[in-house]
Amino acid sequence: MEKAIAVAKLKHLRIAPRKVRLVIGLIRGSKVEDAVVQLENSKKSAARPVLKLLNSAVANSKHNHEMKVETHERQPQGKEV
């Protein structure tokens, strides 16, 4: 049985990809609750759109795959965040 993957993409963000990747690197591989706390306390300008994207991915996984929040781990890929 394959793992269900929820996808959320962020397009047309007017922040440099390098700056976004820096914020994503902070939360990569962490649990959702830890990632949310990290993003809420970050001073980086890219943290707000990434937090919004993370919340969207969690909502997608709840609705489309009927997953629980406790089982989520964040693994963003590239600028498609």
C-alpha atoms as a PDB file:
ATOM      1  CA  MET A   1       0.000   0.000   0.000  1.00  0.00           C
ATOM      2  CA  GLU A   2       1.397   3.379  -1.018  1.00  0.00           C
ATOM      3  CA  LYS A   3       1.424   6.420   1.185  1.00  0.00           C
ATOM      4  CA  ALA A   4      -1.212   9.010   0.369  1.00  0.00           C
ATOM      5  CA  ILE A   5       0.362  12.291  -0.619  1.00  0.00           C
ATOM      6  CA  ALA A   6      -1.436  15.612  -0.417  1.00  0.00           C
ATOM      7  CA  VAL A   7      -0.193  18.206  -2.862  1.00  0.00           C
ATOM      8  CA  ALA A   8      -0.459  21.960  -2.572  1.00  0.00           C
ATOM      9  CA  LYS A   9       1.326  24.292  -4.963  1.00  0.00           C
ATOM     10  CA  LEU A  10       2.091  27.954  -4.618  1.00  0.00           C
ATOM     11  CA  LYS A  11       2.375  29.872  -7.859  1.00  0.00           C
ATOM     12  CA  HIS A  12       3.298  33.464  -8.651  1.00  0.00           C
ATOM     13  CA  LEU A  13       5.017  34.179  -5.350  1.00  0.00           C
ATOM     14  CA  ARG A  14       7.097  37.312  -5.680  1.00  0.00           C
ATOM     15  CA  ILE A  15       9.873  36.208  -3.367  1.00  0.00           C
ATOM     16  CA  ALA A  16      13.194  34.828  -4.568  1.00  0.00           C
ATOM     17  CA  PRO A  17      13.284  31.014  -4.702  1.00  0.00           C
ATOM     18  CA  ARG A  18      16.453  30.936  -2.624  1.00  0.00           C
ATOM     19  CA  LYS A  19      14.724  32.784   0.221  1.00  0.00           C
ATOM     20  CA  VAL A  20      11.738  30.433   0.085  1.00  0.00           C
ATOM     21  CA  ARG A  21      13.992  27.362   0.093  1.00  0.00           C
ATOM     22  CA  LEU A  22      15.727  28.714   3.196  1.00  0.00           C
ATOM     23  CA  VAL A  23      12.424  28.770   5.084  1.00  0.00           C
ATOM     24  CA  ILE A  24      11.371  25.376   3.722  1.00  0.00           C
ATOM     25  CA  GLY A  25      14.678  23.904   4.843  1.00  0.00           C
ATOM     26  CA  LEU A  26      13.778  24.812   8.420  1.00  0.00           C
ATOM     27  CA  ILE A  27      10.628  22.705   8.398  1.00  0.00           C
ATOM     28  CA  ARG A  28      11.555  19.884   6.009  1.00  0.00           C
ATOM     29  CA  GLY A  29      10.965  16.482   7.603  1.00  0.00           C
ATOM     30  CA  SER A  30       9.379  17.865  10.760  1.00  0.00           C
ATOM     31  CA  LYS A  31       5.876  17.178  12.034  1.00  0.00           C
ATOM     32  CA  VAL A  32       3.109  19.577  11.115  1.00  0.00           C
ATOM     33  CA  GLU A  33       2.693  21.003  14.610  1.00  0.00           C
ATOM     34  CA  ASP A  34       6.434  21.701  14.896  1.00  0.00           C
ATOM     35  CA  ALA A  35       6.516  23.250  11.430  1.00  0.00           C
ATOM     36  CA  VAL A  36       3.616  25.572  12.234  1.00  0.00           C
ATOM     37  CA  VAL A  37       5.305  26.781  15.417  1.00  0.00           C
ATOM     38  CA  GLN A  38       8.578  27.300  13.540  1.00  0.00           C
ATOM     39  CA  LEU A  39       6.883  29.292  10.777  1.00  0.00           C
ATOM     40  CA  GLU A  40       4.788  31.400  13.140  1.00  0.00           C
ATOM     41  CA  ASN A  41       7.914  32.451  15.032  1.00  0.00           C
ATOM     42  CA  SER A  42      10.069  33.065  11.970  1.00  0.00           C
ATOM     43  CA  LYS A  43      10.950  36.619  10.987  1.00  0.00           C
ATOM     44  CA  LYS A  44      11.515  35.714   7.336  1.00  0.00           C
ATOM     45  CA  SER A  45       9.088  37.229   4.836  1.00  0.00           C
ATOM     46  CA  ALA A  46       8.641  33.867   3.084  1.00  0.00           C
ATOM     47  CA  ALA A  47       7.372  32.237   6.288  1.00  0.00           C
ATOM     48  CA  ARG A  48       3.825  33.581   5.931  1.00  0.00           C
ATOM     49  CA  PRO A  49       3.153  32.204   2.408  1.00  0.00           C
ATOM     50  CA  VAL A  50       4.800  28.883   3.330  1.00  0.00           C
ATOM     51  CA  LEU A  51       2.599  28.635   6.437  1.00  0.00           C
ATOM     52  CA  LYS A  52      -0.466  29.307   4.317  1.00  0.00           C
ATOM     53  CA  LEU A  53       0.666  26.608   1.885  1.00  0.00           C
ATOM     54  CA  LEU A  54       1.291  24.147   4.712  1.00  0.00           C
ATOM     55  CA  ASN A  55      -2.204  24.737   6.088  1.00  0.00           C
ATOM     56  CA  SER A  56      -3.609  24.199   2.598  1.00  0.00           C
ATOM     57  CA  ALA A  57      -1.736  20.895   2.211  1.00  0.00           C
ATOM     58  CA  VAL A  58      -3.046  19.703   5.583  1.00  0.00           C
ATOM     59  CA  ALA A  59      -6.600  20.639   4.609  1.00  0.00           C
ATOM     60  CA  ASN A  60      -6.198  18.835   1.268  1.00  0.00           C
ATOM     61  CA  SER A  61      -4.981  15.677   2.962  1.00  0.00           C
ATOM     62  CA  LYS A  62      -7.852  15.727   5.446  1.00  0.00           C
ATOM     63  CA  HIS A  63     -10.466  16.226   2.762  1.00  0.00           C
ATOM     64  CA  ASN A  64      -9.090  14.158  -0.122  1.00  0.00           C
ATOM     65  CA  HIS A  65      -7.296  11.332   1.678  1.00  0.00           C
ATOM     66  CA  GLU A  66      -9.076  11.361   5.056  1.00  0.00           C
ATOM     67  CA  MET A  67      -5.740  11.443   6.880  1.00  0.00           C
ATOM     68  CA  LYS A  68      -5.225  12.552  10.463  1.00  0.00           C
ATOM     69  CA  VAL A  69      -2.992  15.506  11.321  1.00  0.00           C
ATOM     70  CA  GLU A  70      -0.851  13.347  13.636  1.00  0.00           C
ATOM     71  CA  THR A  71       0.399  11.287  10.687  1.00  0.00           C
ATOM     72  CA  HIS A  72       1.574  14.220   8.569  1.00  0.00           C
ATOM     73  CA  GLU A  73       5.157  15.075   7.874  1.00  0.00           C
ATOM     74  CA  ARG A  74       6.199  18.011   5.761  1.00  0.00           C
ATOM     75  CA  GLN A  75       8.311  17.265   2.689  1.00  0.00           C
ATOM     76  CA  PRO A  76       8.166  20.202   0.281  1.00  0.00           C
ATOM     77  CA  GLN A  77       9.845  20.038  -3.096  1.00  0.00           C
ATOM     78  CA  GLY A  78      11.481  22.974  -4.839  1.00  0.00           C
ATOM     79  CA  LYS A  79       9.613  26.161  -5.665  1.00  0.00           C
ATOM     80  CA  GLU A  80       6.381  24.233  -6.113  1.00  0.00           C
ATOM     81  CA  VAL A  81       5.607  25.058  -2.515  1.00  0.00           C
END
